[in-house]
């Protein structure tokens, strides 16, 4: 839950700062709405992409660790 709240807070902070610049009205302008939509879409897609790359990296590390372990003759380094 904490990670989600950090993510949500970052999203709101980033998109608000990038898109909202007219404080003369209570409602968003069409330009601001469009900017917010694009910003959130981009932020979510970026986060998804980073998550995928992180998962791929972890799989590669796990495969390397397993091949190193099986190639060393087991836990005690024997077998040769």
C-alpha atoms as a PDB file:
ATOM      1  CA  UNK A   1       0.000   0.000   0.000  1.00  0.00           C
ATOM      2  CA  UNK A   2       2.847   2.380   0.797  1.00  0.00           C
ATOM      3  CA  UNK A   3       4.399   1.881  -2.649  1.00  0.00           C
ATOM      4  CA  UNK A   4       1.059   2.564  -4.302  1.00  0.00           C
ATOM      5  CA  UNK A   5       0.658   5.788  -2.340  1.00  0.00           C
ATOM      6  CA  UNK A   6       4.172   6.903  -3.343  1.00  0.00           C
ATOM      7  CA  UNK A   7       3.386   6.101  -6.963  1.00  0.00           C
ATOM      8  CA  UNK A   8       0.063   7.961  -6.846  1.00  0.00           C
ATOM      9  CA  UNK A   9       1.625  10.960  -5.108  1.00  0.00           C
ATOM     10  CA  UNK A  10       4.395  11.132  -7.721  1.00  0.00           C
ATOM     11  CA  UNK A  11       1.836  10.941 -10.513  1.00  0.00           C
ATOM     12  CA  UNK A  12      -0.316  13.717  -9.090  1.00  0.00           C
ATOM     13  CA  UNK A  13       2.660  15.933  -8.295  1.00  0.00           C
ATOM     14  CA  UNK A  14       4.259  15.515 -11.700  1.00  0.00           C
ATOM     15  CA  UNK A  15       1.131  15.981 -13.779  1.00  0.00           C
ATOM     16  CA  UNK A  16      -0.213  18.849 -11.694  1.00  0.00           C
ATOM     17  CA  UNK A  17       3.056  20.760 -11.934  1.00  0.00           C
ATOM     18  CA  UNK A  18       3.371  20.103 -15.661  1.00  0.00           C
ATOM     19  CA  UNK A  19      -0.227  20.758 -16.685  1.00  0.00           C
ATOM     20  CA  UNK A  20      -2.010  23.131 -14.341  1.00  0.00           C
ATOM     21  CA  UNK A  21      -1.111  26.781 -14.719  1.00  0.00           C
ATOM     22  CA  UNK A  22      -4.390  28.713 -14.727  1.00  0.00           C
ATOM     23  CA  UNK A  23      -5.806  29.282 -11.256  1.00  0.00           C
ATOM     24  CA  UNK A  24      -8.425  31.828 -12.288  1.00  0.00           C
ATOM     25  CA  UNK A  25     -11.165  29.207 -12.621  1.00  0.00           C
ATOM     26  CA  UNK A  26     -12.385  26.268 -10.544  1.00  0.00           C
ATOM     27  CA  UNK A  27     -12.638  24.065 -13.621  1.00  0.00           C
ATOM     28  CA  UNK A  28      -9.903  22.694 -15.836  1.00  0.00           C
ATOM     29  CA  UNK A  29      -9.459  24.106 -19.294  1.00  0.00           C
ATOM     30  CA  UNK A  30      -9.613  21.769 -22.278  1.00  0.00           C
ATOM     31  CA  UNK A  31      -5.863  22.185 -22.692  1.00  0.00           C
ATOM     32  CA  UNK A  32      -5.261  21.226 -19.037  1.00  0.00           C
ATOM     33  CA  UNK A  33      -7.558  18.198 -19.276  1.00  0.00           C
ATOM     34  CA  UNK A  34      -5.761  16.978 -22.392  1.00  0.00           C
ATOM     35  CA  UNK A  35      -2.387  17.510 -20.741  1.00  0.00           C
ATOM     36  CA  UNK A  36      -3.454  15.624 -17.598  1.00  0.00           C
ATOM     37  CA  UNK A  37      -4.727  12.694 -19.682  1.00  0.00           C
ATOM     38  CA  UNK A  38      -1.515  12.484 -21.695  1.00  0.00           C
ATOM     39  CA  UNK A  39       0.650  12.887 -18.603  1.00  0.00           C
ATOM     40  CA  UNK A  40      -1.101  10.111 -16.680  1.00  0.00           C
ATOM     41  CA  UNK A  41      -1.062   7.775 -19.692  1.00  0.00           C
ATOM     42  CA  UNK A  42       2.641   8.376 -20.212  1.00  0.00           C
ATOM     43  CA  UNK A  43       3.440   7.993 -16.512  1.00  0.00           C
ATOM     44  CA  UNK A  44       1.517   4.714 -16.261  1.00  0.00           C
ATOM     45  CA  UNK A  45       3.064   3.286 -19.440  1.00  0.00           C
ATOM     46  CA  UNK A  46       6.530   4.268 -18.250  1.00  0.00           C
ATOM     47  CA  UNK A  47       5.951   2.619 -14.881  1.00  0.00           C
ATOM     48  CA  UNK A  48       4.694  -0.550 -16.564  1.00  0.00           C
ATOM     49  CA  UNK A  49       7.739  -0.632 -18.855  1.00  0.00           C
ATOM     50  CA  UNK A  50      10.154  -0.184 -15.952  1.00  0.00           C
ATOM     51  CA  UNK A  51       8.392  -3.009 -14.090  1.00  0.00           C
ATOM     52  CA  UNK A  52       8.748  -5.301 -17.109  1.00  0.00           C
ATOM     53  CA  UNK A  53      12.451  -4.504 -17.489  1.00  0.00           C
ATOM     54  CA  UNK A  54      13.037  -5.073 -13.781  1.00  0.00           C
ATOM     55  CA  UNK A  55      11.324  -8.479 -13.991  1.00  0.00           C
ATOM     56  CA  UNK A  56      13.440  -9.411 -17.032  1.00  0.00           C
ATOM     57  CA  UNK A  57      16.601  -8.326 -15.225  1.00  0.00           C
ATOM     58  CA  UNK A  58      15.685 -10.411 -12.156  1.00  0.00           C
ATOM     59  CA  UNK A  59      15.056 -13.463 -14.328  1.00  0.00           C
ATOM     60  CA  UNK A  60      18.479 -13.032 -15.953  1.00  0.00           C
ATOM     61  CA  UNK A  61      20.217 -12.704 -12.602  1.00  0.00           C
ATOM     62  CA  UNK A  62      18.427 -15.778 -11.265  1.00  0.00           C
ATOM     63  CA  UNK A  63      19.375 -17.788 -14.373  1.00  0.00           C
ATOM     64  CA  UNK A  64      23.023 -16.721 -14.064  1.00  0.00           C
ATOM     65  CA  UNK A  65      23.086 -17.643 -10.388  1.00  0.00           C
ATOM     66  CA  UNK A  66      21.581 -21.042 -11.118  1.00  0.00           C
ATOM     67  CA  UNK A  67      24.001 -21.784 -13.958  1.00  0.00           C
ATOM     68  CA  UNK A  68      26.947 -20.678 -11.812  1.00  0.00           C
ATOM     69  CA  UNK A  69      25.784 -22.933  -9.000  1.00  0.00           C
ATOM     70  CA  UNK A  70      25.250 -25.972 -11.242  1.00  0.00           C
ATOM     71  CA  UNK A  71      28.538 -25.370 -13.059  1.00  0.00           C
ATOM     72  CA  UNK A  72      30.593 -25.273  -9.877  1.00  0.00           C
ATOM     73  CA  UNK A  73      29.896 -28.875  -8.931  1.00  0.00           C
ATOM     74  CA  UNK A  74      27.293 -28.159  -6.308  1.00  0.00           C
ATOM     75  CA  UNK A  75      27.556 -26.646  -2.875  1.00  0.00           C
ATOM     76  CA  UNK A  76      31.028 -27.973  -2.095  1.00  0.00           C
ATOM     77  CA  UNK A  77      32.699 -27.299  -5.428  1.00  0.00           C
ATOM     78  CA  UNK A  78      33.509 -30.984  -5.925  1.00  0.00           C
ATOM     79  CA  UNK A  79      32.432 -33.378  -8.587  1.00  0.00           C
ATOM     80  CA  UNK A  80      35.578 -33.302 -10.707  1.00  0.00           C
END
